[in-house]
Structure formats: C-alpha cells, structure tokens
Amino acid sequence: MHNGHVTETGQVTGRISNFMARVFGCRHAELSRPFSHGGRAYRSCLNCGAQRRFNLGDWQMQGDFYYGNPSLAN
C-alpha cells in the first residue's frame, strides 16, 4: 500500500489552512516551543506561521505576532 497520496493531501491541506488563517485571521491557539536564532528568541503559531518575540529571562511572550522579519521598533 502506497501512502504518498495521503502525505501529499496533508501537505495541500496544511497550505490551504495556512492561507485561510492569514486571510481570515488566526487565534494562534497552537504555539511552538520557544526557539532562539540569530540573537532573538520567538515562538511560532503552528497553524499560520506567525511569530512572536519571547523573553528567555522571564519566559514570557512580548509584542504582537508578526510574519517575516520582526520590527526593531518594539
């Protein structure tokens, strides 16, 4: 039995879900564990990919969610 079709269907469904969350909004209910990269720490929404700054000192998220590169103004 070949499961390639199931994997492809899951990938397409994930991309559609990501697109819909970005267009219509996302509650960001499912977040990743904290990551640190390039001198910054963040968590990512597992549904839409938005990121939010994370302070490793007090273990709290800070600022708004963003897509792409973070704003240096915050």
N, C-alpha and C. Protein backbone atom coordinates (compact mmCIF):
# COMPACT_ATOMS: atom_id res chain seq x y z
N MET A 1 0.85 -1.18 0.00
CA MET A 1 0.00 0.00 0.00
C MET A 1 0.89 1.24 0.00
N HIS A 2 0.60 2.19 -0.87
CA HIS A 2 1.40 3.41 -1.01
C HIS A 2 0.70 4.56 -0.31
N ASN A 3 1.41 5.23 0.61
CA ASN A 3 0.83 6.34 1.37
C ASN A 3 1.25 7.69 0.85
N GLY A 4 1.85 7.77 -0.33
CA GLY A 4 2.28 9.04 -0.90
C GLY A 4 1.13 10.01 -1.09
N HIS A 5 -0.02 9.49 -1.51
CA HIS A 5 -1.19 10.34 -1.73
C HIS A 5 -1.64 10.97 -0.42
N VAL A 6 -1.61 10.22 0.67
CA VAL A 6 -2.02 10.74 1.96
C VAL A 6 -1.09 11.87 2.38
N THR A 7 0.21 11.70 2.18
CA THR A 7 1.18 12.73 2.54
C THR A 7 0.97 13.98 1.70
N GLU A 8 0.76 13.83 0.39
CA GLU A 8 0.53 14.98 -0.48
C GLU A 8 -0.75 15.70 -0.10
N THR A 9 -1.79 14.95 0.22
CA THR A 9 -3.06 15.55 0.63
C THR A 9 -2.87 16.35 1.92
N GLY A 10 -2.12 15.80 2.87
CA GLY A 10 -1.85 16.51 4.12
C GLY A 10 -1.09 17.79 3.89
N GLN A 11 -0.13 17.79 2.97
CA GLN A 11 0.64 18.99 2.67
C GLN A 11 -0.25 20.05 2.04
N VAL A 12 -1.10 19.66 1.11
CA VAL A 12 -2.00 20.61 0.46
C VAL A 12 -2.98 21.17 1.48
N THR A 13 -3.52 20.32 2.33
CA THR A 13 -4.45 20.77 3.37
C THR A 13 -3.77 21.76 4.31
N GLY A 14 -2.51 21.49 4.66
CA GLY A 14 -1.76 22.39 5.53
C GLY A 14 -1.55 23.75 4.89
N ARG A 15 -1.23 23.76 3.60
CA ARG A 15 -1.02 25.04 2.90
C ARG A 15 -2.32 25.83 2.81
N ILE A 16 -3.42 25.15 2.55
CA ILE A 16 -4.73 25.83 2.49
C ILE A 16 -5.09 26.40 3.86
N SER A 17 -4.86 25.62 4.90
CA SER A 17 -5.14 26.08 6.26
C SER A 17 -4.30 27.30 6.60
N ASN A 18 -3.03 27.29 6.24
CA ASN A 18 -2.12 28.41 6.48
C ASN A 18 -2.64 29.65 5.76
N PHE A 19 -3.02 29.50 4.50
CA PHE A 19 -3.53 30.63 3.70
C PHE A 19 -4.81 31.19 4.32
N MET A 20 -5.74 30.32 4.69
CA MET A 20 -7.01 30.76 5.25
C MET A 20 -6.79 31.50 6.58
N ALA A 21 -5.87 31.01 7.40
CA ALA A 21 -5.59 31.66 8.68
C ALA A 21 -5.01 33.05 8.45
N ARG A 22 -4.17 33.21 7.44
CA ARG A 22 -3.58 34.52 7.16
C ARG A 22 -4.61 35.49 6.61
N VAL A 23 -5.54 35.00 5.79
CA VAL A 23 -6.54 35.87 5.18
C VAL A 23 -7.64 36.25 6.18
N PHE A 24 -8.15 35.27 6.90
CA PHE A 24 -9.30 35.50 7.77
C PHE A 24 -8.94 35.65 9.25
N GLY A 25 -7.68 35.54 9.57
CA GLY A 25 -7.25 35.68 10.96
C GLY A 25 -7.05 34.33 11.61
N CYS A 26 -6.21 34.33 12.60
CA CYS A 26 -5.89 33.10 13.31
C CYS A 26 -5.88 33.43 14.80
N ARG A 27 -6.34 32.51 15.60
CA ARG A 27 -6.35 32.72 17.05
C ARG A 27 -4.98 32.41 17.66
N HIS A 28 -4.07 31.85 16.90
CA HIS A 28 -2.73 31.47 17.39
C HIS A 28 -2.84 30.60 18.64
N ALA A 29 -3.75 29.63 18.61
CA ALA A 29 -4.02 28.79 19.77
C ALA A 29 -2.95 27.71 19.97
N GLU A 30 -2.29 27.30 18.89
CA GLU A 30 -1.27 26.26 18.98
C GLU A 30 0.09 26.86 18.67
N LEU A 31 0.93 26.98 19.70
CA LEU A 31 2.24 27.61 19.54
C LEU A 31 3.36 26.60 19.73
N SER A 32 4.46 26.86 19.03
CA SER A 32 5.65 26.02 19.16
C SER A 32 6.33 26.27 20.50
N ARG A 33 7.29 25.46 20.79
CA ARG A 33 8.16 25.73 21.93
C ARG A 33 9.01 26.94 21.56
N PRO A 34 9.64 27.61 22.51
CA PRO A 34 10.50 28.75 22.18
C PRO A 34 11.72 28.31 21.36
N PHE A 35 12.07 29.12 20.37
CA PHE A 35 13.26 28.92 19.56
C PHE A 35 14.15 30.13 19.70
N SER A 36 15.44 29.93 19.55
CA SER A 36 16.39 31.03 19.55
C SER A 36 17.22 30.92 18.28
N HIS A 37 17.29 32.04 17.52
CA HIS A 37 18.04 32.04 16.27
C HIS A 37 18.47 33.47 15.95
N GLY A 38 19.72 33.63 15.62
CA GLY A 38 20.22 34.94 15.23
C GLY A 38 20.12 35.98 16.33
N GLY A 39 20.26 35.56 17.58
CA GLY A 39 20.21 36.51 18.68
C GLY A 39 18.82 36.89 19.13
N ARG A 40 17.81 36.24 18.62
CA ARG A 40 16.44 36.54 19.06
C ARG A 40 15.73 35.24 19.40
N ALA A 41 14.81 35.32 20.33
CA ALA A 41 14.01 34.17 20.73
C ALA A 41 12.57 34.44 20.32
N TYR A 42 11.85 33.41 19.93
CA TYR A 42 10.47 33.56 19.47
C TYR A 42 9.72 32.25 19.58
N ARG A 43 8.41 32.34 19.49
CA ARG A 43 7.54 31.17 19.34
C ARG A 43 6.75 31.38 18.05
N SER A 44 6.39 30.29 17.41
CA SER A 44 5.63 30.35 16.15
C SER A 44 4.27 29.70 16.30
N CYS A 45 3.28 30.26 15.62
CA CYS A 45 1.96 29.65 15.55
C CYS A 45 2.06 28.44 14.63
N LEU A 46 1.60 27.30 15.08
CA LEU A 46 1.68 26.09 14.28
C LEU A 46 0.65 26.06 13.16
N ASN A 47 -0.35 26.94 13.23
CA ASN A 47 -1.39 26.97 12.20
C ASN A 47 -1.05 27.91 11.05
N CYS A 48 -0.56 29.11 11.35
CA CYS A 48 -0.36 30.10 10.30
C CYS A 48 1.09 30.54 10.13
N GLY A 49 1.97 30.19 11.06
CA GLY A 49 3.38 30.54 10.93
C GLY A 49 3.77 31.88 11.50
N ALA A 50 2.82 32.64 12.05
CA ALA A 50 3.15 33.93 12.65
C ALA A 50 4.11 33.69 13.82
N GLN A 51 4.95 34.66 14.08
CA GLN A 51 5.91 34.55 15.17
C GLN A 51 5.66 35.66 16.19
N ARG A 52 6.12 35.41 17.41
CA ARG A 52 6.01 36.41 18.48
C ARG A 52 7.28 36.34 19.32
N ARG A 53 7.82 37.51 19.64
CA ARG A 53 9.05 37.56 20.43
C ARG A 53 8.86 36.86 21.76
N PHE A 54 9.94 36.27 22.25
CA PHE A 54 9.91 35.54 23.51
C PHE A 54 11.09 35.96 24.35
N ASN A 55 10.84 36.35 25.60
CA ASN A 55 11.89 36.76 26.52
C ASN A 55 12.33 35.55 27.33
N LEU A 56 13.56 35.12 27.11
CA LEU A 56 14.08 33.96 27.82
C LEU A 56 14.33 34.25 29.30
N GLY A 57 14.49 35.53 29.65
CA GLY A 57 14.73 35.91 31.04
C GLY A 57 13.53 35.68 31.95
N ASP A 58 12.34 36.09 31.48
CA ASP A 58 11.15 35.92 32.31
C ASP A 58 10.16 34.91 31.71
N TRP A 59 10.58 34.28 30.62
CA TRP A 59 9.82 33.19 30.00
C TRP A 59 8.42 33.65 29.57
N GLN A 60 8.35 34.88 29.02
CA GLN A 60 7.08 35.46 28.57
C GLN A 60 7.17 35.90 27.12
N MET A 61 6.05 35.82 26.40
CA MET A 61 5.99 36.35 25.05
C MET A 61 5.81 37.85 25.14
N GLN A 62 6.33 38.58 24.13
CA GLN A 62 6.25 40.03 24.13
C GLN A 62 5.84 40.54 22.76
N GLY A 63 5.15 41.65 22.74
CA GLY A 63 4.77 42.30 21.48
C GLY A 63 3.68 41.55 20.74
N ASP A 64 3.45 42.01 19.52
CA ASP A 64 2.43 41.43 18.67
C ASP A 64 3.00 40.30 17.82
N PHE A 65 2.11 39.49 17.27
CA PHE A 65 2.51 38.48 16.30
C PHE A 65 2.91 39.17 15.01
N TYR A 66 3.83 38.60 14.27
CA TYR A 66 4.27 39.16 13.00
C TYR A 66 4.61 38.04 12.04
N TYR A 67 4.60 38.37 10.77
CA TYR A 67 5.02 37.46 9.71
C TYR A 67 6.30 38.02 9.13
N GLY A 68 7.26 37.18 8.86
CA GLY A 68 8.53 37.64 8.29
C GLY A 68 9.46 38.14 9.35
N ASN A 69 10.21 39.19 9.04
CA ASN A 69 11.21 39.73 9.96
C ASN A 69 10.56 40.57 11.04
N PRO A 70 11.07 40.50 12.27
CA PRO A 70 10.48 41.29 13.36
C PRO A 70 10.76 42.77 13.21
N SER A 71 9.90 43.58 13.76
CA SER A 71 10.10 45.02 13.78
C SER A 71 11.12 45.36 14.85
N LEU A 72 12.04 46.24 14.56
CA LEU A 72 13.04 46.65 15.53
C LEU A 72 12.53 47.74 16.44
N ALA A 73 11.35 48.27 16.16
CA ALA A 73 10.79 49.36 16.94
C ALA A 73 10.31 48.92 18.31
N ASN A 74 9.94 47.66 18.47
CA ASN A 74 9.39 47.18 19.76
C ASN A 74 10.47 46.90 20.74
